[in-house]
Amino acid sequence: MLRYVARRLLLTIPLLVGISLLSFLAIHMAPGGPISVAADLNPKATAEYRERMVRYYGLDQPIHVQYGRWLGRMATLDFGESFAPDGRQVSEKIRERIPVTLTINILSMGLIFLVAIPLGIYSAVRKDSWFDRISTVTVFTGFAVPTFWLALLLMILFGVKLGWLPISGLVSLEHDSLPLAGKAWDRARHLVLPVLLAGFGGLAGMSRYMRSNMLEVIRQDYIAAAKAKGLVERQVVFRHAMRNALLPVITILGLSVPDLLGGAVIFETIFAIPGMGQLFYQGVMSRDVPLIMGILVIGAFLTLIGNLLADVGYALADPRIRAG
């Protein structure tokens, strides 16, 4: 197992280089650029100013030279300086946004698995019951409802009409003057709506995945044999059936790793949350190549690590894969 993990980690290096090369080419093929975006908004920008900015950022060099310089900095984990007017290091910008996005996505993912897995299991065990029918209608309704529209409705209800929850930012204006418990409560109130909305779509999908997997497993012969031995239903479901039904869910969990830092542009824009999704959107709109490449490389690396974790989870859950 350790040799397999080490080999997979070594393979991530050429894969990351290939992904970064394709991303770099795609960004430079897009219309516009950081100079045109900045100069178009400045009525005093002259042709000489544009040429000076092009030389300053090294955009006058051939694209393979630009990529080689960027790749050389990446080898030392240096994402370079942002093309934004502040000129800050990309790593500093990302480091500021990671805790916010990580907190929201971990909480929403925990909510999804804590609710969706038991819901899917119970719906499969009680197939065609009233609970199963009601949960199915509710889940498909959740698929159909646009999340951004639901977010606006919840903001109007709980933020404007009832005044129970804040609708923007992470803290209130008086946050610094509150005691420690008050600060924790203030931050928790700001996270309620973003976490619920971030987990809403995943909750619907995960519960259906779990239900379909569980229905397939409980039809197997070994489940019938376990029941024939006189085992109680709880033991058959949670000890024998659920473990095999979780295998496809492990794959989904592994593919969800990049989302932990990817952020959600819609949620972070609606709730004015300074996270990774909002930062990536700002970088794309301003053609900030170092910032875009830094976030893309982090996302690609997390995707590869997520696939590796899914394979390792498969081996831990299924002895047949571990033996093979």
C-alpha atoms as a PDB file:
ATOM      1  CA  MET A   1       0.000   0.000   0.000  1.00  0.00           C
ATOM      2  CA  LEU A   2       2.798   2.436   0.877  1.00  0.00           C
ATOM      3  CA  ARG A   3       4.586   1.748  -2.424  1.00  0.00           C
ATOM      4  CA  TYR A   4       1.334   2.338  -4.295  1.00  0.00           C
ATOM      5  CA  VAL A   5       0.741   5.662  -2.524  1.00  0.00           C
ATOM      6  CA  ALA A   6       4.336   6.776  -3.138  1.00  0.00           C
ATOM      7  CA  ARG A   7       4.081   5.889  -6.821  1.00  0.00           C
ATOM      8  CA  ARG A   8       0.829   7.796  -7.197  1.00  0.00           C
ATOM      9  CA  LEU A   9       2.323  10.849  -5.475  1.00  0.00           C
ATOM     10  CA  LEU A  10       5.264  10.821  -7.894  1.00  0.00           C
ATOM     11  CA  LEU A  11       2.873  10.647 -10.844  1.00  0.00           C
ATOM     12  CA  THR A  12       1.174  13.835  -9.672  1.00  0.00           C
ATOM     13  CA  ILE A  13       4.247  15.861 -10.671  1.00  0.00           C
ATOM     14  CA  PRO A  14       4.016  15.326 -14.474  1.00  0.00           C
ATOM     15  CA  LEU A  15       0.232  15.537 -14.273  1.00  0.00           C
ATOM     16  CA  LEU A  16       0.419  18.912 -12.541  1.00  0.00           C
ATOM     17  CA  VAL A  17       2.886  20.161 -15.144  1.00  0.00           C
ATOM     18  CA  GLY A  18       0.558  19.086 -17.953  1.00  0.00           C
ATOM     19  CA  ILE A  19      -2.507  20.632 -16.308  1.00  0.00           C
ATOM     20  CA  SER A  20      -0.675  23.881 -15.608  1.00  0.00           C
ATOM     21  CA  LEU A  21       0.558  24.069 -19.222  1.00  0.00           C
ATOM     22  CA  LEU A  22      -2.949  23.634 -20.644  1.00  0.00           C
ATOM     23  CA  SER A  23      -4.343  26.168 -18.170  1.00  0.00           C
ATOM     24  CA  PHE A  24      -1.600  28.670 -18.998  1.00  0.00           C
ATOM     25  CA  LEU A  25      -2.269  28.358 -22.733  1.00  0.00           C
ATOM     26  CA  ALA A  26      -6.041  28.658 -22.252  1.00  0.00           C
ATOM     27  CA  ILE A  27      -5.661  31.840 -20.183  1.00  0.00           C
ATOM     28  CA  HIS A  28      -3.413  33.477 -22.766  1.00  0.00           C
ATOM     29  CA  MET A  29      -5.761  32.483 -25.608  1.00  0.00           C
ATOM     30  CA  ALA A  30      -8.673  34.274 -23.930  1.00  0.00           C
ATOM     31  CA  PRO A  31      -9.519  37.737 -25.303  1.00  0.00           C
ATOM     32  CA  GLY A  32      -8.280  40.741 -23.390  1.00  0.00           C
ATOM     33  CA  GLY A  33      -5.528  40.840 -20.819  1.00  0.00           C
ATOM     34  CA  PRO A  34      -4.439  42.440 -17.550  1.00  0.00           C
ATOM     35  CA  ILE A  35      -3.051  45.493 -19.336  1.00  0.00           C
ATOM     36  CA  SER A  36      -6.141  46.145 -21.416  1.00  0.00           C
ATOM     37  CA  VAL A  37      -8.413  45.721 -18.382  1.00  0.00           C
ATOM     38  CA  ALA A  38      -6.408  48.232 -16.336  1.00  0.00           C
ATOM     39  CA  ALA A  39      -5.842  50.686 -19.188  1.00  0.00           C
ATOM     40  CA  ASP A  40      -9.433  50.729 -20.422  1.00  0.00           C
ATOM     41  CA  LEU A  41     -10.572  51.952 -17.018  1.00  0.00           C
ATOM     42  CA  ASN A  42      -7.959  54.708 -16.979  1.00  0.00           C
ATOM     43  CA  PRO A  43      -8.723  57.568 -19.373  1.00  0.00           C
ATOM     44  CA  LYS A  44      -5.185  58.916 -18.951  1.00  0.00           C
ATOM     45  CA  ALA A  45      -3.548  55.666 -20.085  1.00  0.00           C
ATOM     46  CA  THR A  46      -1.332  56.269 -23.126  1.00  0.00           C
ATOM     47  CA  ALA A  47       0.322  53.873 -25.546  1.00  0.00           C
ATOM     48  CA  GLU A  48       3.625  54.433 -23.757  1.00  0.00           C
ATOM     49  CA  TYR A  49       1.985  53.476 -20.452  1.00  0.00           C
ATOM     50  CA  ARG A  50       0.665  50.266 -21.995  1.00  0.00           C
ATOM     51  CA  GLU A  51       4.074  49.327 -23.400  1.00  0.00           C
ATOM     52  CA  ARG A  52       5.764  50.022 -20.066  1.00  0.00           C
ATOM     53  CA  MET A  53       3.237  47.816 -18.231  1.00  0.00           C
ATOM     54  CA  VAL A  54       3.674  45.018 -20.774  1.00  0.00           C
ATOM     55  CA  ARG A  55       7.439  45.037 -20.212  1.00  0.00           C
ATOM     56  CA  TYR A  56       7.005  45.291 -16.443  1.00  0.00           C
ATOM     57  CA  TYR A  57       4.878  42.142 -16.281  1.00  0.00           C
ATOM     58  CA  GLY A  58       7.018  40.313 -18.844  1.00  0.00           C
ATOM     59  CA  LEU A  59       4.134  39.946 -21.293  1.00  0.00           C
ATOM     60  CA  ASP A  60       6.374  40.989 -24.196  1.00  0.00           C
ATOM     61  CA  GLN A  61       8.233  37.672 -23.942  1.00  0.00           C
ATOM     62  CA  PRO A  62       7.200  34.578 -25.949  1.00  0.00           C
ATOM     63  CA  ILE A  63       4.630  32.437 -24.225  1.00  0.00           C
ATOM     64  CA  HIS A  64       7.033  29.527 -23.670  1.00  0.00           C
ATOM     65  CA  VAL A  65       9.429  31.905 -21.885  1.00  0.00           C
ATOM     66  CA  GLN A  66       6.606  33.226 -19.691  1.00  0.00           C
ATOM     67  CA  TYR A  67       5.534  29.683 -18.819  1.00  0.00           C
ATOM     68  CA  GLY A  68       9.115  28.621 -18.094  1.00  0.00           C
ATOM     69  CA  ARG A  69       9.573  31.514 -15.658  1.00  0.00           C
ATOM     70  CA  TRP A  70       6.272  30.756 -13.967  1.00  0.00           C
ATOM     71  CA  LEU A  71       7.112  27.041 -13.723  1.00  0.00           C
ATOM     72  CA  GLY A  72      10.509  27.859 -12.229  1.00  0.00           C
ATOM     73  CA  ARG A  73       8.857  29.919  -9.491  1.00  0.00           C
ATOM     74  CA  MET A  74       6.293  27.183  -8.924  1.00  0.00           C
ATOM     75  CA  ALA A  75       9.082  24.680  -8.281  1.00  0.00           C
ATOM     76  CA  THR A  76       9.906  26.747  -5.194  1.00  0.00           C
ATOM     77  CA  LEU A  77       6.193  27.120  -4.287  1.00  0.00           C
ATOM     78  CA  ASP A  78       6.252  30.775  -5.314  1.00  0.00           C
ATOM     79  CA  PHE A  79       3.039  31.816  -7.079  1.00  0.00           C
ATOM     80  CA  GLY A  80       4.479  35.205  -8.002  1.00  0.00           C
ATOM     81  CA  GLU A  81       3.048  38.687  -7.612  1.00  0.00           C
ATOM     82  CA  SER A  82      -0.528  39.537  -8.460  1.00  0.00           C
ATOM     83  CA  PHE A  83      -1.222  41.757 -11.462  1.00  0.00           C
ATOM     84  CA  ALA A  84      -3.685  43.702  -9.304  1.00  0.00           C
ATOM     85  CA  PRO A  85      -2.792  47.312  -8.400  1.00  0.00           C
ATOM     86  CA  ASP A  86      -1.800  46.262  -4.867  1.00  0.00           C
ATOM     87  CA  GLY A  87       0.961  44.022  -6.286  1.00  0.00           C
ATOM     88  CA  ARG A  88       0.774  41.614  -3.343  1.00  0.00           C
ATOM     89  CA  GLN A  89       2.043  38.076  -3.369  1.00  0.00           C
ATOM     90  CA  VAL A  90      -0.522  35.571  -4.654  1.00  0.00           C
ATOM     91  CA  SER A  91       0.311  33.203  -1.797  1.00  0.00           C
ATOM     92  CA  GLU A  92      -0.617  35.910   0.739  1.00  0.00           C
ATOM     93  CA  LYS A  93      -3.987  36.514  -0.909  1.00  0.00           C
ATOM     94  CA  ILE A  94      -4.765  32.805  -1.004  1.00  0.00           C
ATOM     95  CA  ARG A  95      -3.601  32.320   2.583  1.00  0.00           C
ATOM     96  CA  GLU A  96      -6.035  35.012   3.759  1.00  0.00           C
ATOM     97  CA  ARG A  97      -9.024  33.411   2.032  1.00  0.00           C
ATOM     98  CA  ILE A  98      -8.370  29.717   2.765  1.00  0.00           C
ATOM     99  CA  PRO A  99      -9.614  29.628   6.410  1.00  0.00           C
ATOM    100  CA  VAL A 100     -12.970  31.187   5.463  1.00  0.00           C
ATOM    101  CA  THR A 101     -13.692  28.881   2.550  1.00  0.00           C
ATOM    102  CA  LEU A 102     -12.338  25.832   4.370  1.00  0.00           C
ATOM    103  CA  THR A 103     -14.592  26.446   7.377  1.00  0.00           C
ATOM    104  CA  ILE A 104     -17.763  26.880   5.321  1.00  0.00           C
ATOM    105  CA  ASN A 105     -17.127  23.890   3.061  1.00  0.00           C
ATOM    106  CA  ILE A 106     -16.129  21.517   5.869  1.00  0.00           C
ATOM    107  CA  LEU A 107     -19.250  22.424   7.823  1.00  0.00           C
ATOM    108  CA  SER A 108     -21.477  22.028   4.757  1.00  0.00           C
ATOM    109  CA  MET A 109     -19.854  18.711   3.836  1.00  0.00           C
ATOM    110  CA  GLY A 110     -20.314  17.446   7.389  1.00  0.00           C
ATOM    111  CA  LEU A 111     -23.964  18.488   7.237  1.00  0.00           C
ATOM    112  CA  ILE A 112     -24.403  16.656   3.943  1.00  0.00           C
ATOM    113  CA  PHE A 113     -22.992  13.364   5.193  1.00  0.00           C
ATOM    114  CA  LEU A 114     -24.656  13.515   8.613  1.00  0.00           C
ATOM    115  CA  VAL A 115     -28.089  13.996   7.038  1.00  0.00           C
ATOM    116  CA  ALA A 116     -27.880  12.417   3.577  1.00  0.00           C
ATOM    117  CA  ILE A 117     -26.437   9.021   4.516  1.00  0.00           C
ATOM    118  CA  PRO A 118     -29.029   8.145   7.214  1.00  0.00           C
ATOM    119  CA  LEU A 119     -31.769   9.558   4.988  1.00  0.00           C
ATOM    120  CA  GLY A 120     -30.685   7.419   2.043  1.00  0.00           C
ATOM    121  CA  ILE A 121     -30.344   4.293   4.169  1.00  0.00           C
ATOM    122  CA  TYR A 122     -33.758   4.671   5.791  1.00  0.00           C
ATOM    123  CA  SER A 123     -35.414   5.416   2.431  1.00  0.00           C
ATOM    124  CA  ALA A 124     -33.907   2.226   0.962  1.00  0.00           C
ATOM    125  CA  VAL A 125     -34.838   0.038   3.918  1.00  0.00           C
ATOM    126  CA  ARG A 126     -38.390   1.459   3.948  1.00  0.00           C
ATOM    127  CA  LYS A 127     -38.763   1.461   0.165  1.00  0.00           C
ATOM    128  CA  ASP A 128     -42.166   2.675  -1.137  1.00  0.00           C
ATOM    129  CA  SER A 129     -43.230   3.812   2.336  1.00  0.00           C
ATOM    130  CA  TRP A 130     -44.658   7.252   3.012  1.00  0.00           C
ATOM    131  CA  PHE A 131     -41.274   8.382   4.305  1.00  0.00           C
ATOM    132  CA  ASP A 132     -39.569   7.219   1.110  1.00  0.00           C
ATOM    133  CA  ARG A 133     -42.120   8.953  -1.118  1.00  0.00           C
ATOM    134  CA  ILE A 134     -42.033  12.220   0.819  1.00  0.00           C
ATOM    135  CA  SER A 135     -38.220  12.259   0.904  1.00  0.00           C
ATOM    136  CA  THR A 136     -38.069  11.506  -2.838  1.00  0.00           C
ATOM    137  CA  VAL A 137     -40.392  14.407  -3.665  1.00  0.00           C
ATOM    138  CA  THR A 138     -38.443  16.683  -1.329  1.00  0.00           C
ATOM    139  CA  VAL A 139     -35.110  15.685  -2.847  1.00  0.00           C
ATOM    140  CA  PHE A 140     -36.229  16.208  -6.451  1.00  0.00           C
ATOM    141  CA  THR A 141     -37.699  19.546  -5.433  1.00  0.00           C
ATOM    142  CA  GLY A 142     -34.292  20.414  -4.038  1.00  0.00           C
ATOM    143  CA  PHE A 143     -32.720  19.509  -7.375  1.00  0.00           C
ATOM    144  CA  ALA A 144     -35.167  21.759  -9.226  1.00  0.00           C
ATOM    145  CA  VAL A 145     -34.996  24.859  -7.029  1.00  0.00           C
ATOM    146  CA  PRO A 146     -32.203  27.283  -8.075  1.00  0.00           C
ATOM    147  CA  THR A 147     -29.945  27.679  -5.075  1.00  0.00           C
ATOM    148  CA  PHE A 148     -29.259  31.376  -5.627  1.00  0.00           C
ATOM    149  CA  TRP A 149     -33.012  32.052  -5.732  1.00  0.00           C
ATOM    150  CA  LEU A 150     -33.513  30.105  -2.512  1.00  0.00           C
ATOM    151  CA  ALA A 151     -30.643  32.060  -0.946  1.00  0.00           C
ATOM    152  CA  LEU A 152     -32.354  35.349  -1.754  1.00  0.00           C
ATOM    153  CA  LEU A 153     -35.657  34.090  -0.298  1.00  0.00           C
ATOM    154  CA  LEU A 154     -33.979  32.961   2.928  1.00  0.00           C
ATOM    155  CA  MET A 155     -32.182  36.286   3.207  1.00  0.00           C
ATOM    156  CA  ILE A 156     -35.482  38.138   2.868  1.00  0.00           C
ATOM    157  CA  LEU A 157     -37.243  35.881   5.384  1.00  0.00           C
ATOM    158  CA  PHE A 158     -34.639  35.406   8.125  1.00  0.00           C
ATOM    159  CA  GLY A 159     -32.614  38.565   7.574  1.00  0.00           C
ATOM    160  CA  VAL A 160     -35.085  41.258   6.524  1.00  0.00           C
ATOM    161  CA  LYS A 161     -38.527  40.160   7.730  1.00  0.00           C
ATOM    162  CA  LEU A 162     -37.678  38.278  10.945  1.00  0.00           C
ATOM    163  CA  GLY A 163     -34.246  39.762  11.620  1.00  0.00           C
ATOM    164  CA  TRP A 164     -32.950  36.518  13.100  1.00  0.00           C
ATOM    165  CA  LEU A 165     -29.813  36.061  10.994  1.00  0.00           C
ATOM    166  CA  PRO A 166     -27.342  38.439   9.315  1.00  0.00           C
ATOM    167  CA  ILE A 167     -27.266  38.345   5.529  1.00  0.00           C
ATOM    168  CA  SER A 168     -23.751  39.487   4.628  1.00  0.00           C
ATOM    169  CA  GLY A 169     -20.162  39.215   5.770  1.00  0.00           C
ATOM    170  CA  LEU A 170     -18.643  37.026   8.449  1.00  0.00           C
ATOM    171  CA  VAL A 171     -18.868  39.301  11.486  1.00  0.00           C
ATOM    172  CA  SER A 172     -20.936  42.249  12.667  1.00  0.00           C
ATOM    173  CA  LEU A 173     -19.643  45.806  12.946  1.00  0.00           C
ATOM    174  CA  GLU A 174     -19.471  45.540  16.746  1.00  0.00           C
ATOM    175  CA  HIS A 175     -17.650  42.198  16.638  1.00  0.00           C
ATOM    176  CA  ASP A 176     -14.405  43.501  18.163  1.00  0.00           C
ATOM    177  CA  SER A 177     -16.195  44.925  21.205  1.00  0.00           C
ATOM    178  CA  LEU A 178     -17.970  41.639  22.041  1.00  0.00           C
ATOM    179  CA  PRO A 179     -16.709  39.129  24.642  1.00  0.00           C
ATOM    180  CA  LEU A 180     -15.246  35.809  23.504  1.00  0.00           C
ATOM    181  CA  ALA A 181     -18.557  33.949  23.687  1.00  0.00           C
ATOM    182  CA  GLY A 182     -20.292  36.813  21.902  1.00  0.00           C
ATOM    183  CA  LYS A 183     -17.718  36.736  19.108  1.00  0.00           C
ATOM    184  CA  ALA A 184     -18.219  32.988  18.639  1.00  0.00           C
ATOM    185  CA  TRP A 185     -22.010  33.393  18.576  1.00  0.00           C
ATOM    186  CA  ASP A 186     -21.773  36.318  16.162  1.00  0.00           C
ATOM    187  CA  ARG A 187     -19.619  34.351  13.719  1.00  0.00           C
ATOM    188  CA  ALA A 188     -21.869  31.280  14.039  1.00  0.00           C
ATOM    189  CA  ARG A 189     -24.959  33.346  13.157  1.00  0.00           C
ATOM    190  CA  HIS A 190     -23.219  34.654  10.049  1.00  0.00           C
ATOM    191  CA  LEU A 191     -22.331  31.100   8.948  1.00  0.00           C
ATOM    192  CA  VAL A 192     -25.802  29.557   9.296  1.00  0.00           C
ATOM    193  CA  LEU A 193     -27.252  30.628   5.945  1.00  0.00           C
ATOM    194  CA  PRO A 194     -24.074  30.105   3.842  1.00  0.00           C
ATOM    195  CA  VAL A 195     -23.517  26.617   5.290  1.00  0.00           C
ATOM    196  CA  LEU A 196     -27.145  25.582   4.799  1.00  0.00           C
ATOM    197  CA  LEU A 197     -27.199  26.853   1.225  1.00  0.00           C
ATOM    198  CA  ALA A 198     -23.799  25.330   0.398  1.00  0.00           C
ATOM    199  CA  GLY A 199     -24.970  21.920   1.632  1.00  0.00           C
ATOM    200  CA  PHE A 200     -28.450  22.104   0.107  1.00  0.00           C
ATOM    201  CA  GLY A 201     -27.592  20.854  -3.380  1.00  0.00           C
ATOM    202  CA  GLY A 202     -25.175  18.184  -2.186  1.00  0.00           C
ATOM    203  CA  LEU A 203     -27.687  16.902   0.354  1.00  0.00           C
ATOM    204  CA  ALA A 204     -30.194  16.058  -2.365  1.00  0.00           C
ATOM    205  CA  GLY A 205     -27.681  14.260  -4.567  1.00  0.00           C
ATOM    206  CA  MET A 206     -25.915  12.343  -1.813  1.00  0.00           C
ATOM    207  CA  SER A 207     -29.138  10.973  -0.327  1.00  0.00           C
ATOM    208  CA  ARG A 208     -30.176   9.625  -3.754  1.00  0.00           C
ATOM    209  CA  TYR A 209     -26.758   8.042  -4.282  1.00  0.00           C
ATOM    210  CA  MET A 210     -26.958   6.368  -0.902  1.00  0.00           C
ATOM    211  CA  ARG A 211     -30.514   5.152  -1.481  1.00  0.00           C
ATOM    212  CA  SER A 212     -29.736   3.587  -4.866  1.00  0.00           C
ATOM    213  CA  ASN A 213     -26.552   1.947  -3.584  1.00  0.00           C
ATOM    214  CA  MET A 214     -28.344   0.593  -0.537  1.00  0.00           C
ATOM    215  CA  LEU A 215     -31.200  -0.814  -2.630  1.00  0.00           C
ATOM    216  CA  GLU A 216     -28.703  -2.666  -4.790  1.00  0.00           C
ATOM    217  CA  VAL A 217     -26.832  -4.101  -1.816  1.00  0.00           C
ATOM    218  CA  ILE A 218     -29.824  -5.294   0.210  1.00  0.00           C
ATOM    219  CA  ARG A 219     -30.953  -7.407  -2.766  1.00  0.00           C
ATOM    220  CA  GLN A 220     -27.756  -9.453  -2.639  1.00  0.00           C
ATOM    221  CA  ASP A 221     -27.783 -13.089  -1.528  1.00  0.00           C
ATOM    222  CA  TYR A 222     -25.471 -12.566   1.436  1.00  0.00           C
ATOM    223  CA  ILE A 223     -27.939 -10.086   2.928  1.00  0.00           C
ATOM    224  CA  ALA A 224     -30.705 -12.671   2.620  1.00  0.00           C
ATOM    225  CA  ALA A 225     -28.393 -15.243   4.239  1.00  0.00           C
ATOM    226  CA  ALA A 226     -27.637 -12.863   7.109  1.00  0.00           C
ATOM    227  CA  LYS A 227     -31.358 -12.381   7.701  1.00  0.00           C
ATOM    228  CA  ALA A 228     -31.920 -16.148   7.533  1.00  0.00           C
ATOM    229  CA  LYS A 229     -29.371 -16.636  10.311  1.00  0.00           C
ATOM    230  CA  GLY A 230     -31.606 -14.604  12.582  1.00  0.00           C
ATOM    231  CA  LEU A 231     -29.569 -11.414  12.759  1.00  0.00           C
ATOM    232  CA  VAL A 232     -31.543  -8.348  13.772  1.00  0.00           C
ATOM    233  CA  GLU A 233     -32.331  -5.841  11.033  1.00  0.00           C
ATOM    234  CA  ARG A 234     -30.154  -3.119  12.536  1.00  0.00           C
ATOM    235  CA  GLN A 235     -27.104  -5.380  12.464  1.00  0.00           C
ATOM    236  CA  VAL A 236     -27.784  -6.529   8.906  1.00  0.00           C
ATOM    237  CA  VAL A 237     -28.235  -2.982   7.643  1.00  0.00           C
ATOM    238  CA  PHE A 238     -25.408  -1.183   9.416  1.00  0.00           C
ATOM    239  CA  ARG A 239     -22.822  -3.949   9.712  1.00  0.00           C
ATOM    240  CA  HIS A 240     -23.211  -5.822   6.437  1.00  0.00           C
ATOM    241  CA  ALA A 241     -25.110  -3.707   3.909  1.00  0.00           C
ATOM    242  CA  MET A 242     -23.984  -0.168   4.677  1.00  0.00           C
ATOM    243  CA  ARG A 243     -20.269  -0.920   4.403  1.00  0.00           C
ATOM    244  CA  ASN A 244     -20.576  -2.101   0.803  1.00  0.00           C
ATOM    245  CA  ALA A 245     -23.084   0.612  -0.069  1.00  0.00           C
ATOM    246  CA  LEU A 246     -20.582   3.256   1.024  1.00  0.00           C
ATOM    247  CA  LEU A 247     -18.026   2.329  -1.658  1.00  0.00           C
ATOM    248  CA  PRO A 248     -19.431   4.641  -4.371  1.00  0.00           C
ATOM    249  CA  VAL A 249     -19.901   7.340  -1.738  1.00  0.00           C
ATOM    250  CA  ILE A 250     -16.175   7.126  -0.970  1.00  0.00           C
ATOM    251  CA  THR A 251     -15.479   8.126  -4.564  1.00  0.00           C
ATOM    252  CA  ILE A 252     -17.768  11.133  -4.243  1.00  0.00           C
ATOM    253  CA  LEU A 253     -16.054  12.065  -0.985  1.00  0.00           C
ATOM    254  CA  GLY A 254     -12.647  11.914  -2.666  1.00  0.00           C
ATOM    255  CA  LEU A 255     -13.821  14.087  -5.540  1.00  0.00           C
ATOM    256  CA  SER A 256     -15.204  16.577  -3.015  1.00  0.00           C
ATOM    257  CA  VAL A 257     -11.728  17.354  -1.652  1.00  0.00           C
ATOM    258  CA  PRO A 258     -11.047  20.116  -4.234  1.00  0.00           C
ATOM    259  CA  ASP A 259     -14.314  21.800  -3.247  1.00  0.00           C
ATOM    260  CA  LEU A 260     -12.946  22.376   0.249  1.00  0.00           C
ATOM    261  CA  LEU A 261     -10.746  25.162  -1.079  1.00  0.00           C
ATOM    262  CA  GLY A 262     -12.467  25.832  -4.375  1.00  0.00           C
ATOM    263  CA  GLY A 263     -15.176  27.903  -2.813  1.00  0.00           C
ATOM    264  CA  ALA A 264     -18.591  28.735  -4.221  1.00  0.00           C
ATOM    265  CA  VAL A 265     -18.636  31.910  -6.265  1.00  0.00           C
ATOM    266  CA  ILE A 266     -22.419  32.319  -6.070  1.00  0.00           C
ATOM    267  CA  PHE A 267     -22.677  31.919  -2.293  1.00  0.00           C
ATOM    268  CA  GLU A 268     -19.672  34.065  -1.536  1.00  0.00           C
ATOM    269  CA  THR A 269     -20.927  36.791  -3.868  1.00  0.00           C
ATOM    270  CA  ILE A 270     -24.488  36.781  -2.522  1.00  0.00           C
ATOM    271  CA  PHE A 271     -23.404  36.794   1.124  1.00  0.00           C
ATOM    272  CA  ALA A 272     -20.344  39.045   0.533  1.00  0.00           C
ATOM    273  CA  ILE A 273     -17.987  36.432   1.977  1.00  0.00           C
ATOM    274  CA  PRO A 274     -14.274  36.980   1.248  1.00  0.00           C
ATOM    275  CA  GLY A 275     -13.444  33.410   0.248  1.00  0.00           C
ATOM    276  CA  MET A 276     -11.521  31.579  -2.454  1.00  0.00           C
ATOM    277  CA  GLY A 277     -14.458  31.561  -4.868  1.00  0.00           C
ATOM    278  CA  GLN A 278     -14.799  35.324  -4.755  1.00  0.00           C
ATOM    279  CA  LEU A 279     -11.020  35.716  -5.116  1.00  0.00           C
ATOM    280  CA  PHE A 280     -10.974  33.476  -8.193  1.00  0.00           C
ATOM    281  CA  TYR A 281     -13.848  35.421  -9.753  1.00  0.00           C
ATOM    282  CA  GLN A 282     -12.036  38.705  -9.183  1.00  0.00           C
ATOM    283  CA  GLY A 283      -8.874  37.248 -10.707  1.00  0.00           C
ATOM    284  CA  VAL A 284     -10.710  36.072 -13.831  1.00  0.00           C
ATOM    285  CA  MET A 285     -12.474  39.397 -14.344  1.00  0.00           C
ATOM    286  CA  SER A 286      -9.189  41.328 -14.028  1.00  0.00           C
ATOM    287  CA  ARG A 287      -7.161  38.752 -16.053  1.00  0.00           C
ATOM    288  CA  ASP A 288      -4.811  38.327 -13.104  1.00  0.00           C
ATOM    289  CA  VAL A 289      -2.775  35.436 -14.564  1.00  0.00           C
ATOM    290  CA  PRO A 290      -0.584  34.627 -11.506  1.00  0.00           C
ATOM    291  CA  LEU A 291      -3.635  34.574  -9.226  1.00  0.00           C
ATOM    292  CA  ILE A 292      -5.685  32.413 -11.608  1.00  0.00           C
ATOM    293  CA  MET A 293      -2.812  29.975 -12.131  1.00  0.00           C
ATOM    294  CA  GLY A 294      -2.146  29.713  -8.409  1.00  0.00           C
ATOM    295  CA  ILE A 295      -5.752  28.801  -7.617  1.00  0.00           C
ATOM    296  CA  LEU A 296      -5.977  26.410 -10.597  1.00  0.00           C
ATOM    297  CA  VAL A 297      -2.816  24.567  -9.567  1.00  0.00           C
ATOM    298  CA  ILE A 298      -4.080  24.209  -6.002  1.00  0.00           C
ATOM    299  CA  GLY A 299      -7.392  22.858  -7.340  1.00  0.00           C
ATOM    300  CA  ALA A 300      -5.633  20.411  -9.661  1.00  0.00           C
ATOM    301  CA  PHE A 301      -3.386  19.154  -6.863  1.00  0.00           C
ATOM    302  CA  LEU A 302      -6.354  18.655  -4.543  1.00  0.00           C
ATOM    303  CA  THR A 303      -8.212  16.780  -7.309  1.00  0.00           C
ATOM    304  CA  LEU A 304      -5.323  14.342  -7.713  1.00  0.00           C
ATOM    305  CA  ILE A 305      -5.020  13.923  -3.943  1.00  0.00           C
ATOM    306  CA  GLY A 306      -8.781  13.373  -3.739  1.00  0.00           C
ATOM    307  CA  ASN A 307      -8.587  10.565  -6.300  1.00  0.00           C
ATOM    308  CA  LEU A 308      -5.759   8.985  -4.324  1.00  0.00           C
ATOM    309  CA  LEU A 309      -7.710   9.223  -1.066  1.00  0.00           C
ATOM    310  CA  ALA A 310     -10.727   7.638  -2.781  1.00  0.00           C
ATOM    311  CA  ASP A 311      -8.611   4.680  -3.945  1.00  0.00           C
ATOM    312  CA  VAL A 312      -7.117   4.254  -0.476  1.00  0.00           C
ATOM    313  CA  GLY A 313     -10.599   4.457   1.047  1.00  0.00           C
ATOM    314  CA  TYR A 314     -11.790   1.757  -1.356  1.00  0.00           C
ATOM    315  CA  ALA A 315      -8.962  -0.508  -0.227  1.00  0.00           C
ATOM    316  CA  LEU A 316      -9.722   0.102   3.459  1.00  0.00           C
ATOM    317  CA  ALA A 317     -13.443  -0.560   3.002  1.00  0.00           C
ATOM    318  CA  ASP A 318     -13.164  -3.583   0.666  1.00  0.00           C
ATOM    319  CA  PRO A 319     -10.683  -6.350   1.599  1.00  0.00           C
ATOM    320  CA  ARG A 320     -10.862  -7.722  -1.972  1.00  0.00           C
ATOM    321  CA  ILE A 321      -9.313  -4.575  -3.377  1.00  0.00           C
ATOM    322  CA  ARG A 322      -6.670  -4.583  -0.647  1.00  0.00           C
ATOM    323  CA  ALA A 323      -5.765  -8.193  -1.444  1.00  0.00           C
ATOM    324  CA  GLY A 324      -5.606  -7.457  -5.159  1.00  0.00           C
END
